[in-house]
Amino acid sequence: MDENCIFCKIVAGEIPSYTVYEDDVVKAFLDISQGTPGHTLVIPKKHVPDLFAYDEDLASAVFSRIPKIARAVKASNPNIKAMNVMNNNGKLAYQSVFHSHFHLVPRYTDDNFKIIFQDNSKKYNDESYTRIQQSIIDHME
């Protein structure tokens, strides 16, 4: 536990939350911002700053619970048509709480929630894709 971490304080019960699921590994609770109705955060109870700090066991334990929680969120409202599962790692990637967490964002027909992926494919060719591919392979643990 990190005594300065808001999510660790939620896990410890020092700060209230609208918990929807909890076991010995994870806690899932409503995101206070409610980007869309039902927006839920899934966090490991163990303080882990970001995805890069996970080991295989923790990753397996946390990730294996996400579908169950996502199904419950979806089933909670017949107007939920889809769901984004998002995880931000690092300040540049818009991580604002440095305790790893996954956003389950329910999607409705017209909810005004936006994610923009730019198409930069014109900037790449086979050689540049292959160079990136090989660099990733070379760094695989």
N, C-alpha and C. Protein backbone atom coordinates (compact mmCIF):
# COMPACT_ATOMS: atom_id res chain seq x y z
N MET A 1 0.84 -1.20 0.00
CA MET A 1 0.00 0.00 0.00
C MET A 1 0.87 1.25 0.00
N ASP A 2 0.39 2.24 -0.71
CA ASP A 2 1.05 3.55 -0.74
C ASP A 2 0.16 4.51 0.03
N GLU A 3 0.66 5.03 1.12
CA GLU A 3 -0.17 5.87 2.00
C GLU A 3 -0.63 7.17 1.35
N ASN A 4 0.00 7.57 0.24
CA ASN A 4 -0.40 8.80 -0.44
C ASN A 4 -1.30 8.55 -1.65
N CYS A 5 -1.63 7.29 -1.89
CA CYS A 5 -2.40 6.91 -3.08
C CYS A 5 -3.90 6.88 -2.77
N ILE A 6 -4.67 7.61 -3.55
CA ILE A 6 -6.12 7.67 -3.33
C ILE A 6 -6.77 6.29 -3.51
N PHE A 7 -6.28 5.50 -4.48
CA PHE A 7 -6.87 4.18 -4.68
C PHE A 7 -6.50 3.23 -3.55
N CYS A 8 -5.29 3.34 -3.00
CA CYS A 8 -4.93 2.53 -1.83
C CYS A 8 -5.82 2.89 -0.65
N LYS A 9 -6.15 4.18 -0.53
CA LYS A 9 -7.04 4.61 0.55
C LYS A 9 -8.45 4.06 0.34
N ILE A 10 -8.88 3.95 -0.91
CA ILE A 10 -10.19 3.35 -1.21
C ILE A 10 -10.15 1.86 -0.85
N VAL A 11 -9.09 1.16 -1.22
CA VAL A 11 -8.95 -0.26 -0.88
C VAL A 11 -8.98 -0.45 0.63
N ALA A 12 -8.32 0.44 1.36
CA ALA A 12 -8.25 0.33 2.82
C ALA A 12 -9.53 0.77 3.53
N GLY A 13 -10.48 1.32 2.77
CA GLY A 13 -11.73 1.78 3.36
C GLY A 13 -11.65 3.16 3.99
N GLU A 14 -10.55 3.86 3.76
CA GLU A 14 -10.38 5.21 4.31
C GLU A 14 -11.17 6.25 3.52
N ILE A 15 -11.42 5.95 2.27
CA ILE A 15 -12.22 6.81 1.40
C ILE A 15 -13.37 5.95 0.87
N PRO A 16 -14.60 6.42 0.97
CA PRO A 16 -15.73 5.61 0.49
C PRO A 16 -15.73 5.49 -1.03
N SER A 17 -16.33 4.42 -1.49
CA SER A 17 -16.49 4.21 -2.93
C SER A 17 -17.80 3.46 -3.17
N TYR A 18 -18.25 3.51 -4.39
CA TYR A 18 -19.43 2.75 -4.80
C TYR A 18 -18.95 1.44 -5.40
N THR A 19 -18.61 0.51 -4.52
CA THR A 19 -18.02 -0.77 -4.93
C THR A 19 -19.07 -1.64 -5.60
N VAL A 20 -18.69 -2.23 -6.75
CA VAL A 20 -19.58 -3.15 -7.45
C VAL A 20 -19.06 -4.58 -7.40
N TYR A 21 -17.77 -4.74 -7.11
CA TYR A 21 -17.17 -6.07 -6.99
C TYR A 21 -15.88 -5.95 -6.19
N GLU A 22 -15.64 -6.97 -5.36
CA GLU A 22 -14.39 -6.99 -4.59
C GLU A 22 -14.07 -8.41 -4.21
N ASP A 23 -12.80 -8.77 -4.32
CA ASP A 23 -12.32 -10.05 -3.82
C ASP A 23 -10.92 -9.82 -3.27
N ASP A 24 -10.14 -10.86 -3.11
CA ASP A 24 -8.82 -10.71 -2.51
C ASP A 24 -7.80 -10.06 -3.44
N VAL A 25 -8.10 -9.96 -4.74
CA VAL A 25 -7.15 -9.44 -5.72
C VAL A 25 -7.53 -8.06 -6.24
N VAL A 26 -8.80 -7.85 -6.54
CA VAL A 26 -9.24 -6.60 -7.17
C VAL A 26 -10.39 -5.95 -6.41
N LYS A 27 -10.56 -4.69 -6.72
CA LYS A 27 -11.74 -3.94 -6.27
C LYS A 27 -12.23 -3.21 -7.51
N ALA A 28 -13.54 -3.25 -7.72
CA ALA A 28 -14.16 -2.53 -8.84
C ALA A 28 -15.20 -1.59 -8.26
N PHE A 29 -15.15 -0.34 -8.70
CA PHE A 29 -16.05 0.67 -8.16
C PHE A 29 -16.36 1.69 -9.23
N LEU A 30 -17.47 2.40 -9.02
CA LEU A 30 -17.86 3.42 -9.99
C LEU A 30 -16.85 4.55 -10.02
N ASP A 31 -16.49 4.96 -11.24
CA ASP A 31 -15.65 6.13 -11.42
C ASP A 31 -16.49 7.34 -11.04
N ILE A 32 -15.98 8.18 -10.18
CA ILE A 32 -16.76 9.32 -9.68
C ILE A 32 -17.14 10.27 -10.81
N SER A 33 -16.37 10.28 -11.90
CA SER A 33 -16.67 11.18 -13.03
C SER A 33 -17.83 10.67 -13.89
N GLN A 34 -18.09 9.37 -13.88
CA GLN A 34 -19.13 8.75 -14.70
C GLN A 34 -19.12 9.30 -16.12
N GLY A 35 -18.03 9.02 -16.86
CA GLY A 35 -17.93 9.42 -18.27
C GLY A 35 -19.17 9.05 -19.05
N THR A 36 -19.70 7.89 -18.76
CA THR A 36 -21.04 7.46 -19.18
C THR A 36 -21.62 6.71 -17.99
N PRO A 37 -22.94 6.58 -17.89
CA PRO A 37 -23.52 5.89 -16.75
C PRO A 37 -23.03 4.44 -16.63
N GLY A 38 -22.49 4.10 -15.47
CA GLY A 38 -21.96 2.77 -15.22
C GLY A 38 -20.44 2.70 -15.34
N HIS A 39 -19.79 3.79 -15.71
CA HIS A 39 -18.32 3.85 -15.84
C HIS A 39 -17.70 3.30 -14.55
N THR A 40 -16.97 2.22 -14.68
CA THR A 40 -16.42 1.49 -13.55
C THR A 40 -14.91 1.37 -13.65
N LEU A 41 -14.23 1.45 -12.53
CA LEU A 41 -12.79 1.24 -12.46
C LEU A 41 -12.51 -0.12 -11.84
N VAL A 42 -11.56 -0.83 -12.39
CA VAL A 42 -11.10 -2.10 -11.82
C VAL A 42 -9.63 -1.89 -11.46
N ILE A 43 -9.31 -2.10 -10.17
CA ILE A 43 -7.93 -1.89 -9.71
C ILE A 43 -7.43 -3.12 -8.98
N PRO A 44 -6.13 -3.39 -9.08
CA PRO A 44 -5.57 -4.41 -8.20
C PRO A 44 -5.51 -3.84 -6.79
N LYS A 45 -5.75 -4.66 -5.80
CA LYS A 45 -5.65 -4.19 -4.42
C LYS A 45 -4.20 -3.87 -4.06
N LYS A 46 -3.29 -4.60 -4.66
CA LYS A 46 -1.87 -4.34 -4.46
C LYS A 46 -1.52 -3.05 -5.20
N HIS A 47 -0.73 -2.18 -4.56
CA HIS A 47 -0.33 -0.94 -5.24
C HIS A 47 0.67 -1.26 -6.34
N VAL A 48 0.25 -1.01 -7.56
CA VAL A 48 1.08 -1.16 -8.74
C VAL A 48 0.90 0.12 -9.53
N PRO A 49 1.96 0.86 -9.82
CA PRO A 49 1.79 2.17 -10.44
C PRO A 49 1.20 2.14 -11.85
N ASP A 50 1.55 1.12 -12.63
CA ASP A 50 1.07 1.07 -14.02
C ASP A 50 1.26 -0.34 -14.56
N LEU A 51 0.83 -0.54 -15.78
CA LEU A 51 0.88 -1.85 -16.42
C LEU A 51 2.31 -2.39 -16.51
N PHE A 52 3.27 -1.50 -16.65
CA PHE A 52 4.67 -1.92 -16.80
C PHE A 52 5.20 -2.60 -15.54
N ALA A 53 4.56 -2.41 -14.42
CA ALA A 53 5.03 -2.97 -13.15
C ALA A 53 4.39 -4.32 -12.81
N TYR A 54 3.48 -4.80 -13.63
CA TYR A 54 2.83 -6.09 -13.37
C TYR A 54 3.81 -7.24 -13.60
N ASP A 55 3.68 -8.29 -12.79
CA ASP A 55 4.31 -9.56 -13.14
C ASP A 55 3.22 -10.44 -13.74
N GLU A 56 3.59 -11.60 -14.24
CA GLU A 56 2.62 -12.46 -14.92
C GLU A 56 1.49 -12.91 -14.01
N ASP A 57 1.82 -13.22 -12.77
CA ASP A 57 0.79 -13.71 -11.84
C ASP A 57 -0.25 -12.64 -11.55
N LEU A 58 0.20 -11.41 -11.27
CA LEU A 58 -0.75 -10.33 -11.00
C LEU A 58 -1.57 -10.01 -12.24
N ALA A 59 -0.91 -9.97 -13.39
CA ALA A 59 -1.63 -9.69 -14.63
C ALA A 59 -2.71 -10.73 -14.87
N SER A 60 -2.36 -11.99 -14.70
CA SER A 60 -3.33 -13.07 -14.89
C SER A 60 -4.50 -12.93 -13.93
N ALA A 61 -4.20 -12.64 -12.68
CA ALA A 61 -5.25 -12.54 -11.67
C ALA A 61 -6.17 -11.35 -11.94
N VAL A 62 -5.60 -10.20 -12.26
CA VAL A 62 -6.42 -9.00 -12.49
C VAL A 62 -7.19 -9.13 -13.80
N PHE A 63 -6.50 -9.45 -14.87
CA PHE A 63 -7.16 -9.49 -16.18
C PHE A 63 -8.24 -10.54 -16.26
N SER A 64 -8.07 -11.65 -15.54
CA SER A 64 -9.08 -12.71 -15.59
C SER A 64 -10.41 -12.29 -14.98
N ARG A 65 -10.41 -11.27 -14.17
CA ARG A 65 -11.64 -10.81 -13.52
C ARG A 65 -12.39 -9.75 -14.34
N ILE A 66 -11.71 -9.11 -15.26
CA ILE A 66 -12.32 -8.00 -16.00
C ILE A 66 -13.54 -8.43 -16.82
N PRO A 67 -13.52 -9.55 -17.54
CA PRO A 67 -14.74 -9.92 -18.30
C PRO A 67 -15.97 -10.12 -17.41
N LYS A 68 -15.80 -10.75 -16.25
CA LYS A 68 -16.92 -10.97 -15.33
C LYS A 68 -17.53 -9.63 -14.89
N ILE A 69 -16.67 -8.69 -14.54
CA ILE A 69 -17.14 -7.37 -14.10
C ILE A 69 -17.79 -6.64 -15.27
N ALA A 70 -17.16 -6.71 -16.44
CA ALA A 70 -17.71 -6.04 -17.63
C ALA A 70 -19.08 -6.60 -17.99
N ARG A 71 -19.25 -7.92 -17.90
CA ARG A 71 -20.56 -8.52 -18.19
C ARG A 71 -21.63 -8.01 -17.23
N ALA A 72 -21.26 -7.87 -15.95
CA ALA A 72 -22.22 -7.38 -14.96
C ALA A 72 -22.60 -5.93 -15.24
N VAL A 73 -21.62 -5.11 -15.59
CA VAL A 73 -21.92 -3.71 -15.93
C VAL A 73 -22.85 -3.67 -17.14
N LYS A 74 -22.54 -4.44 -18.18
CA LYS A 74 -23.38 -4.44 -19.39
C LYS A 74 -24.80 -4.91 -19.07
N ALA A 75 -24.90 -5.96 -18.26
CA ALA A 75 -26.21 -6.51 -17.92
C ALA A 75 -27.02 -5.57 -17.03
N SER A 76 -26.37 -4.62 -16.40
CA SER A 76 -27.05 -3.73 -15.45
C SER A 76 -27.98 -2.73 -16.10
N ASN A 77 -27.83 -2.54 -17.41
CA ASN A 77 -28.65 -1.55 -18.10
C ASN A 77 -28.89 -2.01 -19.53
N PRO A 78 -30.13 -2.25 -19.92
CA PRO A 78 -30.41 -2.74 -21.28
C PRO A 78 -30.03 -1.73 -22.37
N ASN A 79 -29.78 -0.49 -22.00
CA ASN A 79 -29.39 0.51 -23.00
C ASN A 79 -27.90 0.50 -23.31
N ILE A 80 -27.12 -0.28 -22.55
CA ILE A 80 -25.69 -0.40 -22.86
C ILE A 80 -25.54 -1.29 -24.08
N LYS A 81 -24.94 -0.74 -25.13
CA LYS A 81 -24.81 -1.46 -26.40
C LYS A 81 -23.41 -2.01 -26.63
N ALA A 82 -22.39 -1.44 -25.94
CA ALA A 82 -21.00 -1.83 -26.14
C ALA A 82 -20.20 -1.32 -24.95
N MET A 83 -18.88 -1.53 -24.99
CA MET A 83 -18.05 -1.07 -23.87
C MET A 83 -16.62 -0.87 -24.33
N ASN A 84 -16.04 0.23 -23.88
CA ASN A 84 -14.60 0.44 -24.05
C ASN A 84 -13.92 -0.01 -22.76
N VAL A 85 -12.82 -0.75 -22.90
CA VAL A 85 -11.97 -1.09 -21.77
C VAL A 85 -10.66 -0.37 -22.02
N MET A 86 -10.31 0.55 -21.11
CA MET A 86 -9.15 1.40 -21.34
C MET A 86 -8.21 1.38 -20.14
N ASN A 87 -6.93 1.55 -20.45
CA ASN A 87 -5.90 1.59 -19.42
C ASN A 87 -4.84 2.57 -19.88
N ASN A 88 -4.58 3.58 -19.06
CA ASN A 88 -3.59 4.61 -19.38
C ASN A 88 -2.36 4.39 -18.52
N ASN A 89 -1.19 4.49 -19.13
CA ASN A 89 0.06 4.21 -18.42
C ASN A 89 1.04 5.35 -18.63
N GLY A 90 1.20 6.16 -17.59
CA GLY A 90 2.10 7.31 -17.65
C GLY A 90 1.34 8.60 -17.89
N LYS A 91 1.92 9.68 -17.42
CA LYS A 91 1.28 10.99 -17.52
C LYS A 91 0.98 11.37 -18.96
N LEU A 92 1.91 11.10 -19.87
CA LEU A 92 1.71 11.43 -21.28
C LEU A 92 0.52 10.69 -21.88
N ALA A 93 0.21 9.51 -21.31
CA ALA A 93 -0.92 8.71 -21.78
C ALA A 93 -2.19 9.01 -20.99
N TYR A 94 -2.22 10.14 -20.30
CA TYR A 94 -3.38 10.62 -19.55
C TYR A 94 -3.65 9.86 -18.27
N GLN A 95 -2.65 9.16 -17.73
CA GLN A 95 -2.85 8.53 -16.42
C GLN A 95 -2.82 9.64 -15.38
N SER A 96 -3.87 9.70 -14.57
CA SER A 96 -3.96 10.76 -13.57
C SER A 96 -3.82 10.23 -12.14
N VAL A 97 -4.11 8.96 -11.93
CA VAL A 97 -3.90 8.32 -10.63
C VAL A 97 -2.88 7.22 -10.88
N PHE A 98 -1.76 7.28 -10.17
CA PHE A 98 -0.66 6.37 -10.45
C PHE A 98 -0.73 5.11 -9.60
N HIS A 99 -1.90 4.50 -9.69
CA HIS A 99 -2.19 3.16 -9.19
C HIS A 99 -2.93 2.54 -10.37
N SER A 100 -2.38 1.48 -10.92
CA SER A 100 -2.94 0.90 -12.13
C SER A 100 -4.45 0.71 -12.03
N HIS A 101 -5.14 1.04 -13.09
CA HIS A 101 -6.59 0.86 -13.11
C HIS A 101 -7.09 0.73 -14.54
N PHE A 102 -8.18 0.03 -14.67
CA PHE A 102 -8.82 -0.21 -15.96
C PHE A 102 -10.19 0.42 -15.94
N HIS A 103 -10.48 1.20 -16.96
CA HIS A 103 -11.78 1.84 -17.10
C HIS A 103 -12.68 0.93 -17.91
N LEU A 104 -13.85 0.63 -17.39
CA LEU A 104 -14.91 -0.04 -18.15
C LEU A 104 -15.93 1.06 -18.44
N VAL A 105 -15.99 1.48 -19.69
CA VAL A 105 -16.84 2.61 -20.07
C VAL A 105 -17.99 2.09 -20.93
N PRO A 106 -19.19 1.98 -20.34
CA PRO A 106 -20.34 1.53 -21.12
C PRO A 106 -20.63 2.51 -22.25
N ARG A 107 -21.08 1.97 -23.37
CA ARG A 107 -21.39 2.81 -24.52
C ARG A 107 -22.86 2.68 -24.86
N TYR A 108 -23.45 3.82 -25.07
CA TYR A 108 -24.87 3.94 -25.39
C TYR A 108 -24.98 4.48 -26.80
N THR A 109 -26.15 4.38 -27.39
CA THR A 109 -26.34 4.80 -28.77
C THR A 109 -25.83 6.22 -29.03
N ASP A 110 -26.13 7.14 -28.15
CA ASP A 110 -25.69 8.52 -28.34
C ASP A 110 -25.21 9.07 -27.00
N ASP A 111 -23.96 8.77 -26.66
CA ASP A 111 -23.47 9.15 -25.34
C ASP A 111 -22.41 10.26 -25.38
N ASN A 112 -22.03 10.72 -26.55
CA ASN A 112 -21.05 11.79 -26.74
C ASN A 112 -19.66 11.48 -26.20
N PHE A 113 -19.36 10.23 -25.87
CA PHE A 113 -18.03 9.84 -25.43
C PHE A 113 -17.19 9.62 -26.67
N LYS A 114 -15.99 10.18 -26.71
CA LYS A 114 -15.16 10.10 -27.92
C LYS A 114 -13.76 9.59 -27.61
N ILE A 115 -13.26 8.76 -28.49
CA ILE A 115 -11.86 8.33 -28.51
C ILE A 115 -11.42 8.50 -29.95
N ILE A 116 -10.28 9.11 -30.15
CA ILE A 116 -9.84 9.37 -31.52
C ILE A 116 -8.51 8.65 -31.77
N PHE A 117 -8.50 7.77 -32.75
CA PHE A 117 -7.27 7.13 -33.21
C PHE A 117 -6.95 7.73 -34.57
N GLN A 118 -5.80 8.33 -34.68
CA GLN A 118 -5.40 8.92 -35.96
C GLN A 118 -4.86 7.84 -36.88
N ASP A 119 -5.10 7.98 -38.15
CA ASP A 119 -4.53 7.08 -39.14
C ASP A 119 -3.24 7.71 -39.66
N ASN A 120 -2.11 7.17 -39.21
CA ASN A 120 -0.79 7.64 -39.63
C ASN A 120 -0.14 6.69 -40.62
N SER A 121 -0.92 5.78 -41.21
CA SER A 121 -0.35 4.74 -42.06
C SER A 121 0.40 5.29 -43.27
N LYS A 122 0.07 6.47 -43.73
CA LYS A 122 0.77 7.05 -44.87
C LYS A 122 2.22 7.42 -44.53
N LYS A 123 2.53 7.50 -43.26
CA LYS A 123 3.89 7.85 -42.81
C LYS A 123 4.80 6.62 -42.73
N TYR A 124 4.26 5.43 -42.96
CA TYR A 124 5.00 4.20 -42.81
C TYR A 124 5.05 3.41 -44.10
N ASN A 125 6.11 2.62 -44.24
CA ASN A 125 6.23 1.67 -45.35
C ASN A 125 6.67 0.34 -44.76
N ASP A 126 6.88 -0.66 -45.61
CA ASP A 126 7.24 -1.98 -45.13
C ASP A 126 8.51 -1.95 -44.28
N GLU A 127 9.48 -1.17 -44.70
CA GLU A 127 10.74 -1.09 -43.96
C GLU A 127 10.55 -0.50 -42.56
N SER A 128 9.77 0.54 -42.44
CA SER A 128 9.57 1.15 -41.12
C SER A 128 8.73 0.25 -40.22
N TYR A 129 7.71 -0.41 -40.76
CA TYR A 129 6.94 -1.37 -39.96
C TYR A 129 7.85 -2.50 -39.47
N THR A 130 8.69 -3.02 -40.34
CA THR A 130 9.59 -4.13 -40.00
C THR A 130 10.60 -3.70 -38.94
N ARG A 131 11.10 -2.48 -39.03
CA ARG A 131 12.06 -1.96 -38.04
C ARG A 131 11.40 -1.88 -36.65
N ILE A 132 10.20 -1.36 -36.60
CA ILE A 132 9.46 -1.28 -35.33
C ILE A 132 9.17 -2.68 -34.80
N GLN A 133 8.70 -3.56 -35.68
CA GLN A 133 8.39 -4.94 -35.30
C GLN A 133 9.61 -5.61 -34.69
N GLN A 134 10.76 -5.50 -35.36
CA GLN A 134 11.96 -6.19 -34.86
C GLN A 134 12.45 -5.61 -33.54
N SER A 135 12.32 -4.31 -33.36
CA SER A 135 12.73 -3.70 -32.11
C SER A 135 11.88 -4.22 -30.94
N ILE A 136 10.59 -4.36 -31.17
CA ILE A 136 9.71 -4.91 -30.13
C ILE A 136 10.08 -6.36 -29.84
N ILE A 137 10.29 -7.16 -30.88
CA ILE A 137 10.66 -8.57 -30.70
C ILE A 137 11.95 -8.67 -29.91
N ASP A 138 12.93 -7.81 -30.24
CA ASP A 138 14.22 -7.84 -29.56
C ASP A 138 14.13 -7.53 -28.08
N HIS A 139 13.10 -6.84 -27.66
CA HIS A 139 12.94 -6.44 -26.27
C HIS A 139 11.92 -7.29 -25.51
N MET A 140 11.41 -8.33 -26.15
CA MET A 140 10.43 -9.22 -25.51
C MET A 140 11.12 -10.02 -24.41
N GLU A 141 10.54 -10.04 -23.24
CA GLU A 141 11.13 -10.80 -22.11
C GLU A 141 10.79 -12.26 -22.22
